[in-house]
């Protein structure tokens, strides 16, 4: 008889990604960390060109609460990309984006309507 897992897959994944996002934020400079404290994060496949395969490229999403925060994060994009590459091996790109019109609920928002800028992560 197999033992029952202590965590289900979704709670384990949620804990793992929470720890990764926390490590990422702590690794950034204090000004960037302050901006990131207002954001939400996620990792998901993003379908792009035909080279990305059927499931898309693993993408780190930084969802800013407003355009002002997103623009400030864009000014720090080089340092953000560097930290993502250092901490999140296998994540090929980063997106800094916003939810238009002050949307708050990510679950009910269609991702196709999200506005943002995509950056290729440096792979070493």
Protein backbone atom coordinates (compact mmCIF):
# COMPACT_ATOMS: atom_id res chain seq x y z
CA UNK A 1 0.00 0.00 0.00
CA UNK A 2 1.35 3.40 -0.98
CA UNK A 3 1.47 6.18 1.58
CA UNK A 4 -0.77 9.17 1.06
CA UNK A 5 1.01 12.40 0.07
CA UNK A 6 1.02 15.14 2.68
CA UNK A 7 0.40 17.84 0.06
CA UNK A 8 -1.67 17.65 -3.06
CA UNK A 9 0.02 18.72 -6.29
CA UNK A 10 -1.59 22.16 -6.38
CA UNK A 11 -0.64 23.13 -2.82
CA UNK A 12 2.92 21.88 -3.35
CA UNK A 13 3.21 23.87 -6.59
CA UNK A 14 1.75 26.95 -4.92
CA UNK A 15 4.26 26.71 -2.05
CA UNK A 16 7.14 26.19 -4.47
CA UNK A 17 6.23 29.17 -6.65
CA UNK A 18 5.59 31.36 -3.60
CA UNK A 19 9.11 30.58 -2.38
CA UNK A 20 10.60 31.29 -5.83
CA UNK A 21 8.76 34.62 -6.13
CA UNK A 22 9.84 35.62 -2.62
CA UNK A 23 13.47 34.74 -3.39
CA UNK A 24 13.25 36.73 -6.63
CA UNK A 25 11.89 39.82 -4.84
CA UNK A 26 14.53 39.62 -2.09
CA UNK A 27 17.29 39.41 -4.70
CA UNK A 28 16.28 42.72 -6.32
CA UNK A 29 17.44 46.19 -5.31
CA UNK A 30 15.32 47.95 -2.70
CA UNK A 31 13.70 50.37 -5.19
CA UNK A 32 12.65 47.49 -7.43
CA UNK A 33 11.56 45.42 -4.43
CA UNK A 34 9.24 48.23 -3.36
CA UNK A 35 7.62 48.30 -6.81
CA UNK A 36 7.36 44.50 -6.89
CA UNK A 37 5.55 44.49 -3.53
CA UNK A 38 2.54 45.97 -5.37
CA UNK A 39 2.58 43.31 -8.12
CA UNK A 40 1.31 39.80 -8.67
CA UNK A 41 3.42 37.03 -10.18
CA UNK A 42 2.93 33.89 -12.19
CA UNK A 43 4.69 31.39 -14.42
CA UNK A 44 2.87 29.99 -17.42
CA UNK A 45 3.53 28.96 -21.00
CA UNK A 46 3.17 31.78 -23.50
CA UNK A 47 2.51 30.72 -27.05
CA UNK A 48 4.55 32.68 -29.51
CA UNK A 49 6.01 31.70 -32.83
CA UNK A 50 6.00 28.17 -34.21
CA UNK A 51 9.48 27.53 -32.74
CA UNK A 52 8.08 27.63 -29.20
CA UNK A 53 6.35 24.27 -29.59
CA UNK A 54 2.74 23.36 -28.86
CA UNK A 55 2.82 24.25 -25.18
CA UNK A 56 4.65 27.59 -25.51
CA UNK A 57 7.67 28.99 -23.72
CA UNK A 58 7.85 29.10 -19.93
CA UNK A 59 7.22 32.74 -19.07
CA UNK A 60 7.49 34.69 -15.81
CA UNK A 61 4.67 37.22 -15.54
CA UNK A 62 4.95 40.35 -13.42
CA UNK A 63 1.48 41.92 -13.28
CA UNK A 64 1.67 45.56 -12.19
CA UNK A 65 -1.38 47.20 -10.58
CA UNK A 66 -1.18 50.27 -12.83
CA UNK A 67 0.65 51.80 -15.78
CA UNK A 68 2.87 53.97 -13.55
CA UNK A 69 4.31 50.95 -11.71
CA UNK A 70 4.72 49.03 -14.98
CA UNK A 71 6.65 51.93 -16.54
CA UNK A 72 8.96 52.15 -13.53
CA UNK A 73 9.57 48.40 -13.71
CA UNK A 74 10.36 48.70 -17.43
CA UNK A 75 13.12 51.17 -16.54
CA UNK A 76 14.62 48.44 -14.35
CA UNK A 77 14.07 45.65 -16.90
CA UNK A 78 17.78 44.76 -17.29
CA UNK A 79 18.25 44.08 -13.57
CA UNK A 80 14.91 42.23 -13.37
CA UNK A 81 15.84 40.00 -16.32
CA UNK A 82 19.24 39.29 -14.76
CA UNK A 83 17.63 38.17 -11.49
CA UNK A 84 15.05 36.02 -13.28
CA UNK A 85 17.83 34.31 -15.27
CA UNK A 86 19.84 33.70 -12.07
CA UNK A 87 16.97 32.30 -10.02
CA UNK A 88 14.54 30.70 -12.47
CA UNK A 89 16.47 28.32 -14.70
CA UNK A 90 14.34 27.12 -17.58
CA UNK A 91 12.15 30.23 -17.70
CA UNK A 92 12.80 31.60 -21.17
CA UNK A 93 11.11 34.99 -21.03
CA UNK A 94 9.70 37.61 -18.70
CA UNK A 95 6.64 39.77 -19.23
CA UNK A 96 5.96 43.03 -17.41
CA UNK A 97 2.28 43.73 -17.87
CA UNK A 98 -0.79 45.47 -16.50
CA UNK A 99 -4.47 44.72 -16.30
CA UNK A 100 -6.29 47.48 -18.17
CA UNK A 101 -8.96 49.58 -16.51
CA UNK A 102 -7.87 48.70 -12.99
CA UNK A 103 -9.07 45.08 -13.17
CA UNK A 104 -8.26 43.29 -9.92
CA UNK A 105 -9.50 39.73 -10.45
CA UNK A 106 -6.98 37.76 -12.51
CA UNK A 107 -9.24 34.69 -12.55
CA UNK A 108 -12.00 36.47 -14.49
CA UNK A 109 -9.75 38.45 -16.82
CA UNK A 110 -9.04 37.09 -20.31
CA UNK A 111 -5.22 36.88 -20.71
CA UNK A 112 -5.48 37.80 -24.40
CA UNK A 113 -6.46 41.31 -23.29
CA UNK A 114 -3.42 41.84 -21.06
CA UNK A 115 -1.07 44.66 -22.08
CA UNK A 116 2.67 44.22 -21.59
CA UNK A 117 6.19 43.92 -22.89
CA UNK A 118 8.01 40.61 -23.40
CA UNK A 119 11.74 40.20 -22.69
CA UNK A 120 13.92 37.22 -23.58
CA UNK A 121 15.81 35.96 -20.54
CA UNK A 122 19.53 35.51 -20.90
CA UNK A 123 20.34 31.82 -20.94
CA UNK A 124 23.84 30.89 -19.83
